[in-house]
Amino acid sequence: MERKIMESLGKTLNKCENGIIAICFIIMSLAAFAQVVNRNLIGASISWFDELARYCMVYMTLLATEAGLRDGSQISITALIDKCSPGLKRTLQLIVKLIVIGFAIMIFISSLTIVQTQISSGQVSAGLGIPMVIPYLALPIAFGAITIVQILSLLVMFKTPTQTTNNQESK
């Protein structure tokens, strides 16, 4: 039962991330297109189009990093792990997951300091005039999501027998 709850929570978080990534991609594409049209056809450059596209790209990239970790589509070198026995392979995968979680937690905590600095400074962006805390929130959102999803994945890994885990990964 706990496993189903963890998987359900993970799926809900994944849907939210994918939705934000899709929205950011659409906004980024439209803003970049509008900037090109304005610059080349109208002859006017509107700086906030470029800024909006840039901030959407930052959010999209950071959230896509979590999606890549979740799906296993990040670049990885598995030549050594593939030659290991199922037990050792699982142990190495657990160690790697723990390292990723530790790194994500460190970045998450550090990013909270950056966000707090932005809140206290009251700085706004040049083009959009939005508080700079909004672009900087991409860091704790993304690394918080990485931490949560990787912890859920780790818990599922602990509850899954060794051979079942290996069979699922080879699919």
Protein backbone atom coordinates (compact mmCIF):
# COMPACT_ATOMS: atom_id res chain seq x y z
CA MET A 1 0.00 0.00 0.00
CA GLU A 2 2.81 2.41 0.88
CA ARG A 3 4.44 1.71 -2.46
CA LYS A 4 1.25 2.68 -4.32
CA ILE A 5 1.01 5.93 -2.35
CA MET A 6 4.65 6.76 -3.13
CA GLU A 7 4.16 5.96 -6.81
CA SER A 8 0.95 8.02 -6.91
CA LEU A 9 2.70 10.99 -5.31
CA GLY A 10 5.56 10.62 -7.77
CA LYS A 11 3.18 10.48 -10.74
CA THR A 12 1.33 13.60 -9.54
CA LEU A 13 4.59 15.50 -9.15
CA ASN A 14 5.73 14.28 -12.58
CA LYS A 15 2.51 15.52 -14.20
CA CYS A 16 2.96 18.94 -12.59
CA GLU A 17 6.58 19.14 -13.74
CA ASN A 18 5.71 18.07 -17.27
CA GLY A 19 2.91 20.64 -17.38
CA ILE A 20 5.23 23.43 -16.26
CA ILE A 21 7.88 22.31 -18.76
CA ALA A 22 5.31 22.33 -21.58
CA ILE A 23 3.97 25.76 -20.61
CA CYS A 24 7.49 27.18 -20.35
CA PHE A 25 8.37 25.74 -23.76
CA ILE A 26 5.29 27.28 -25.38
CA ILE A 27 5.86 30.69 -23.76
CA MET A 28 9.58 30.59 -24.58
CA SER A 29 8.89 29.73 -28.22
CA LEU A 30 6.23 32.42 -28.61
CA ALA A 31 8.37 35.07 -26.92
CA ALA A 32 11.41 34.24 -29.04
CA PHE A 33 9.29 34.25 -32.20
CA ALA A 34 7.72 37.59 -31.26
CA GLN A 35 11.17 39.05 -30.59
CA VAL A 36 12.42 37.93 -34.02
CA VAL A 37 9.31 39.29 -35.75
CA ASN A 38 9.60 42.61 -33.92
CA ARG A 39 13.29 42.98 -34.64
CA ASN A 40 13.24 41.91 -38.30
CA LEU A 41 9.84 43.00 -39.59
CA ILE A 42 8.87 45.94 -37.41
CA GLY A 43 12.37 47.11 -36.61
CA ALA A 44 11.67 47.44 -32.90
CA SER A 45 13.37 45.37 -30.26
CA ILE A 46 11.30 44.70 -27.16
CA SER A 47 13.63 43.57 -24.40
CA TRP A 48 11.07 41.84 -22.25
CA PHE A 49 10.39 39.21 -24.94
CA ASP A 50 14.01 38.11 -24.72
CA GLU A 51 13.96 38.18 -20.93
CA LEU A 52 10.73 36.17 -20.75
CA ALA A 53 12.13 33.54 -23.13
CA ARG A 54 15.34 33.33 -21.07
CA TYR A 55 13.52 32.84 -17.75
CA CYS A 56 11.22 30.21 -19.27
CA MET A 57 14.27 28.41 -20.63
CA VAL A 58 15.86 28.39 -17.17
CA TYR A 59 12.75 26.90 -15.56
CA MET A 60 12.31 24.41 -18.37
CA THR A 61 15.95 23.27 -18.27
CA LEU A 62 16.09 22.82 -14.52
CA LEU A 63 12.80 20.93 -14.36
CA ALA A 64 13.81 18.82 -17.36
CA THR A 65 16.94 17.84 -15.42
CA GLU A 66 14.68 16.18 -12.85
CA ALA A 67 12.62 14.57 -15.59
CA GLY A 68 15.80 13.14 -17.11
CA LEU A 69 16.92 11.75 -13.77
CA ARG A 70 13.48 10.28 -13.16
CA ASP A 71 13.25 8.63 -16.59
CA GLY A 72 16.87 7.53 -16.67
CA SER A 73 17.42 9.44 -19.90
CA GLN A 74 20.41 11.38 -18.58
CA ILE A 75 23.79 10.44 -19.97
CA SER A 76 25.35 7.70 -17.88
CA ILE A 77 28.23 5.31 -18.18
CA THR A 78 27.03 1.83 -17.28
CA ALA A 79 29.86 -0.33 -18.64
CA LEU A 80 31.09 -1.19 -15.15
CA ILE A 81 27.68 -1.57 -13.53
CA ASP A 82 26.38 -3.79 -16.34
CA LYS A 83 29.14 -6.35 -15.63
CA CYS A 84 28.31 -6.59 -11.92
CA SER A 85 26.18 -9.21 -10.21
CA PRO A 86 22.55 -8.21 -9.53
CA GLY A 87 23.26 -7.59 -5.83
CA LEU A 88 26.31 -5.42 -6.45
CA LYS A 89 24.53 -3.64 -9.30
CA ARG A 90 21.67 -2.73 -6.97
CA THR A 91 24.10 -1.56 -4.28
CA LEU A 92 25.92 0.68 -6.74
CA GLN A 93 22.61 2.10 -8.00
CA LEU A 94 21.58 2.86 -4.41
CA ILE A 95 24.90 4.61 -3.75
CA VAL A 96 24.53 6.72 -6.91
CA LYS A 97 20.96 7.62 -5.94
CA LEU A 98 22.13 8.64 -2.45
CA ILE A 99 24.85 10.85 -3.98
CA VAL A 100 22.28 12.51 -6.27
CA ILE A 101 19.96 13.10 -3.31
CA GLY A 102 22.80 14.55 -1.22
CA PHE A 103 23.84 16.89 -4.02
CA ALA A 104 20.24 17.99 -4.66
CA ILE A 105 19.73 18.73 -0.96
CA MET A 106 22.91 20.83 -0.84
CA ILE A 107 21.88 22.85 -3.90
CA PHE A 108 18.33 23.22 -2.55
CA ILE A 109 19.58 24.62 0.77
CA SER A 110 22.07 26.93 -0.98
CA SER A 111 19.38 28.16 -3.35
CA LEU A 112 17.15 29.11 -0.43
CA THR A 113 19.88 31.50 0.69
CA ILE A 114 20.00 33.02 -2.80
CA VAL A 115 16.21 33.41 -2.84
CA GLN A 116 16.27 35.02 0.61
CA THR A 117 18.91 37.48 -0.62
CA GLN A 118 16.72 38.35 -3.61
CA ILE A 119 13.68 38.85 -1.38
CA SER A 120 15.57 41.20 0.93
CA SER A 121 17.19 43.15 -1.94
CA GLY A 122 13.92 43.84 -3.72
CA GLN A 123 15.71 43.76 -7.10
CA VAL A 124 13.50 43.67 -10.19
CA SER A 125 14.32 42.49 -13.70
CA ALA A 126 15.17 45.12 -16.29
CA GLY A 127 12.73 44.11 -19.03
CA LEU A 128 9.73 42.58 -17.30
CA GLY A 129 9.97 44.52 -14.06
CA ILE A 130 9.21 41.40 -12.03
CA PRO A 131 10.92 40.66 -8.72
CA MET A 132 14.14 38.74 -9.37
CA VAL A 133 13.07 36.24 -6.75
CA ILE A 134 10.77 34.71 -9.42
CA PRO A 135 13.59 33.61 -11.75
CA TYR A 136 15.72 32.52 -8.80
CA LEU A 137 12.88 30.35 -7.45
CA ALA A 138 13.65 27.96 -10.31
CA LEU A 139 16.57 26.58 -8.28
CA PRO A 140 14.74 25.53 -5.10
CA ILE A 141 11.72 24.35 -7.10
CA ALA A 142 13.84 22.14 -9.38
CA PHE A 143 16.21 20.81 -6.74
CA GLY A 144 13.36 20.33 -4.27
CA ALA A 145 11.58 18.27 -6.91
CA ILE A 146 14.76 16.31 -7.64
CA THR A 147 15.15 15.57 -3.93
CA ILE A 148 11.54 14.47 -3.45
CA VAL A 149 11.34 12.31 -6.58
CA GLN A 150 14.72 10.69 -5.97
CA ILE A 151 13.82 9.92 -2.34
CA LEU A 152 10.53 8.37 -3.51
CA SER A 153 12.46 6.39 -6.12
CA LEU A 154 14.93 5.26 -3.47
CA LEU A 155 12.12 4.11 -1.18
CA VAL A 156 10.51 2.17 -4.03
CA MET A 157 13.92 0.64 -4.78
CA PHE A 158 14.24 -0.52 -1.15
CA LYS A 159 10.81 -2.13 -1.26
CA THR A 160 11.42 -3.90 -4.59
CA PRO A 161 13.15 -7.29 -4.62
CA THR A 162 16.53 -7.33 -6.37
CA GLN A 163 15.54 -9.40 -9.43
CA THR A 164 12.34 -7.41 -10.07
CA THR A 165 14.36 -4.16 -10.05
CA ASN A 166 16.83 -5.55 -12.59
CA ASN A 167 14.06 -6.83 -14.88
CA GLN A 168 12.29 -3.46 -14.83
CA GLU A 169 15.45 -1.57 -15.66
CA SER A 170 16.24 -3.71 -18.69
CA LYS A 171 12.89 -2.89 -20.32
